[in-house]
């Protein structure tokens, strides 16, 4: 058997060792699961007409610019006021002309009620910070949650979370959460 020169070694098993290390790290490493905002698309309505235009009064435009300023319906607003103003839009208690229209809908546990056609349109600039975007999202979701909580307490005498699923679904039909999120734009010019 020939002798090898000193200082050399066989690299034949190096590939096997590298493969075993790769397998080990793939098995032993944990991956974080991405979490995001919980959103559900509104159910498909086969009776809806595709050629219907959405009236301007039925859309509540919330814009976040690159300076993280909030513009609601073209007017600057503090985030502390956003929830209450959104609730006024969602509920439209006096059926005002500048707030969304309502249509009659048959809902279990409620009978025939007038349900808003309102849509909240959330738009942001490409320069908007993620934190500001999430704060606005949270305020809009909180507005819907508070409105639903109010009707649950009024109709059933229980908190929304304590209702059975069928009653929760009825409350969600009474106040459907429709938030349209548009693609970011370069509004601020940056």
Protein backbone atom coordinates (compact mmCIF):
# COMPACT_ATOMS: atom_id res chain seq x y z
CA UNK A 1 0.00 0.00 0.00
CA UNK A 2 1.50 3.30 -1.00
CA UNK A 3 2.19 5.81 1.69
CA UNK A 4 0.64 9.24 1.53
CA UNK A 5 2.78 12.27 1.86
CA UNK A 6 2.59 13.82 5.29
CA UNK A 7 0.10 16.66 5.83
CA UNK A 8 -2.54 15.34 3.43
CA UNK A 9 -5.81 13.69 4.29
CA UNK A 10 -8.66 12.10 2.39
CA UNK A 11 -11.54 14.49 1.65
CA UNK A 12 -13.86 11.71 0.48
CA UNK A 13 -16.01 11.77 3.62
CA UNK A 14 -16.26 15.60 3.76
CA UNK A 15 -19.34 15.64 1.54
CA UNK A 16 -21.03 13.12 3.82
CA UNK A 17 -20.25 15.20 6.90
CA UNK A 18 -21.51 18.41 5.25
CA UNK A 19 -24.73 16.64 4.24
CA UNK A 20 -25.27 15.33 7.78
CA UNK A 21 -24.70 18.81 9.24
CA UNK A 22 -27.17 20.29 6.76
CA UNK A 23 -29.82 17.73 7.72
CA UNK A 24 -29.14 18.33 11.40
CA UNK A 25 -29.64 22.10 11.11
CA UNK A 26 -32.76 21.74 8.96
CA UNK A 27 -34.32 19.46 11.56
CA UNK A 28 -33.12 21.32 14.66
CA UNK A 29 -33.90 24.89 13.53
CA UNK A 30 -37.29 26.40 14.31
CA UNK A 31 -38.88 28.91 11.97
CA UNK A 32 -40.98 31.83 13.13
CA UNK A 33 -44.44 31.79 11.67
CA UNK A 34 -45.35 35.10 10.09
CA UNK A 35 -48.24 36.82 11.75
CA UNK A 36 -50.26 39.56 10.21
CA UNK A 37 -53.58 41.29 10.35
CA UNK A 38 -56.61 39.06 10.42
CA UNK A 39 -58.81 40.04 7.49
CA UNK A 40 -61.57 38.16 5.78
CA UNK A 41 -62.98 39.00 2.40
CA UNK A 42 -66.70 39.66 2.28
CA UNK A 43 -68.66 36.69 0.99
CA UNK A 44 -69.51 36.47 -2.67
CA UNK A 45 -72.96 37.88 -3.44
CA UNK A 46 -74.33 36.37 -6.67
CA UNK A 47 -77.19 38.90 -6.67
CA UNK A 48 -74.81 41.87 -6.72
CA UNK A 49 -74.58 43.70 -9.99
CA UNK A 50 -71.08 44.21 -11.36
CA UNK A 51 -71.99 47.43 -13.14
CA UNK A 52 -73.08 49.17 -9.92
CA UNK A 53 -70.94 52.18 -9.13
CA UNK A 54 -70.13 52.73 -5.49
CA UNK A 55 -71.46 56.10 -4.45
CA UNK A 56 -69.00 58.53 -2.94
CA UNK A 57 -71.07 58.84 0.24
CA UNK A 58 -70.63 55.08 0.83
CA UNK A 59 -66.82 55.31 0.92
CA UNK A 60 -64.89 56.59 3.94
CA UNK A 61 -61.39 57.42 2.68
CA UNK A 62 -58.56 57.19 5.21
CA UNK A 63 -55.16 58.20 3.86
CA UNK A 64 -51.81 58.00 5.64
CA UNK A 65 -49.14 60.14 3.98
CA UNK A 66 -45.37 59.71 4.07
CA UNK A 67 -45.16 61.90 7.19
CA UNK A 68 -47.56 59.50 8.98
CA UNK A 69 -50.28 62.13 9.03
CA UNK A 70 -53.83 60.84 8.76
CA UNK A 71 -56.21 62.44 6.30
CA UNK A 72 -59.85 61.40 6.57
CA UNK A 73 -62.12 62.54 3.77
CA UNK A 74 -59.43 65.05 2.81
CA UNK A 75 -59.12 66.60 6.28
CA UNK A 76 -56.27 66.02 8.71
CA UNK A 77 -57.27 64.02 11.77
CA UNK A 78 -55.58 62.92 14.95
CA UNK A 79 -55.47 59.16 15.43
CA UNK A 80 -57.18 59.63 18.80
CA UNK A 81 -60.34 60.81 16.98
CA UNK A 82 -60.28 58.21 14.20
CA UNK A 83 -62.14 55.48 16.07
CA UNK A 84 -65.11 57.69 17.05
CA UNK A 85 -65.39 59.20 13.57
CA UNK A 86 -65.25 55.75 11.97
CA UNK A 87 -68.00 54.54 14.31
CA UNK A 88 -70.23 57.43 13.19
CA UNK A 89 -69.66 56.37 9.58
CA UNK A 90 -70.29 52.68 10.30
CA UNK A 91 -73.50 53.19 12.28
CA UNK A 92 -75.03 56.28 10.58
CA UNK A 93 -77.72 56.40 13.28
CA UNK A 94 -79.70 59.28 11.80
CA UNK A 95 -79.35 58.17 8.15
CA UNK A 96 -77.68 61.44 7.22
CA UNK A 97 -77.14 62.23 3.53
CA UNK A 98 -73.36 62.56 3.88
CA UNK A 99 -73.03 59.12 5.50
CA UNK A 100 -73.50 55.71 3.84
CA UNK A 101 -76.78 54.46 2.48
CA UNK A 102 -78.54 51.50 4.03
CA UNK A 103 -80.33 48.54 2.49
CA UNK A 104 -82.84 46.12 4.04
CA UNK A 105 -81.36 42.72 4.94
CA UNK A 106 -82.99 39.73 6.65
CA UNK A 107 -80.72 38.57 9.51
CA UNK A 108 -81.35 35.73 11.96
CA UNK A 109 -82.17 36.96 15.50
CA UNK A 110 -82.76 40.51 14.17
CA UNK A 111 -85.37 40.10 11.44
CA UNK A 112 -85.28 42.65 8.63
CA UNK A 113 -82.88 45.45 9.47
CA UNK A 114 -81.24 48.29 7.57
CA UNK A 115 -77.57 47.46 6.95
CA UNK A 116 -75.01 50.02 5.87
CA UNK A 117 -73.44 49.92 2.40
CA UNK A 118 -70.39 51.69 3.84
CA UNK A 119 -66.84 50.81 2.85
CA UNK A 120 -63.74 52.11 4.60
CA UNK A 121 -60.96 52.70 2.08
CA UNK A 122 -57.50 52.68 3.65
CA UNK A 123 -54.75 54.11 1.48
CA UNK A 124 -51.16 54.84 2.33
CA UNK A 125 -48.07 56.39 0.83
CA UNK A 126 -45.02 54.24 0.10
CA UNK A 127 -43.17 56.27 2.74
CA UNK A 128 -45.71 55.55 5.48
CA UNK A 129 -44.15 53.84 8.48
CA UNK A 130 -45.36 50.36 9.31
CA UNK A 131 -46.15 51.47 12.87
CA UNK A 132 -48.50 54.23 11.71
CA UNK A 133 -50.21 51.87 9.29
CA UNK A 134 -50.79 49.29 12.04
CA UNK A 135 -52.11 51.96 14.44
CA UNK A 136 -54.68 53.08 11.87
CA UNK A 137 -55.63 49.46 11.13
CA UNK A 138 -56.10 48.83 14.86
CA UNK A 139 -58.28 51.91 15.30
CA UNK A 140 -60.53 50.93 12.39
CA UNK A 141 -60.84 47.35 13.65
CA UNK A 142 -61.55 48.67 17.16
CA UNK A 143 -64.34 50.87 15.76
CA UNK A 144 -66.04 47.81 14.27
CA UNK A 145 -65.46 45.82 17.46
CA UNK A 146 -67.03 48.53 19.63
CA UNK A 147 -70.04 48.89 17.33
CA UNK A 148 -70.56 45.12 17.35
CA UNK A 149 -70.11 45.01 21.12
CA UNK A 150 -72.79 47.69 21.50
CA UNK A 151 -75.37 45.88 19.40
CA UNK A 152 -74.59 42.56 21.13
CA UNK A 153 -75.17 44.12 24.54
CA UNK A 154 -78.33 45.88 23.36
CA UNK A 155 -79.89 42.87 21.60
CA UNK A 156 -78.63 39.90 23.63
CA UNK A 157 -77.43 41.42 26.92
CA UNK A 158 -74.03 39.74 26.53
CA UNK A 159 -70.58 40.74 25.34
CA UNK A 160 -69.90 39.91 21.70
CA UNK A 161 -67.18 37.41 22.63
CA UNK A 162 -69.58 35.56 24.95
CA UNK A 163 -72.20 34.99 22.23
CA UNK A 164 -72.59 31.67 20.48
CA UNK A 165 -71.17 31.53 16.95
CA UNK A 166 -74.58 31.92 15.24
CA UNK A 167 -75.34 35.10 17.18
CA UNK A 168 -71.82 36.46 16.51
CA UNK A 169 -72.35 35.82 12.80
CA UNK A 170 -75.69 37.66 12.97
CA UNK A 171 -74.02 40.67 14.60
CA UNK A 172 -71.27 40.57 11.94
CA UNK A 173 -73.95 40.65 9.21
CA UNK A 174 -75.59 43.59 10.96
CA UNK A 175 -72.28 45.48 10.91
CA UNK A 176 -70.11 43.90 8.21
CA UNK A 177 -66.44 44.88 8.42
CA UNK A 178 -65.53 46.07 4.94
CA UNK A 179 -62.09 47.66 4.78
CA UNK A 180 -60.61 48.14 1.33
CA UNK A 181 -56.83 48.42 1.31
CA UNK A 182 -55.40 50.10 -1.77
CA UNK A 183 -51.89 49.64 -3.13
CA UNK A 184 -49.41 52.16 -1.68
CA UNK A 185 -48.80 55.25 -3.80
CA UNK A 186 -46.12 57.91 -4.02
CA UNK A 187 -48.32 60.72 -2.74
CA UNK A 188 -45.66 62.63 -0.85
CA UNK A 189 -43.24 62.55 -3.78
CA UNK A 190 -40.53 60.54 -1.99
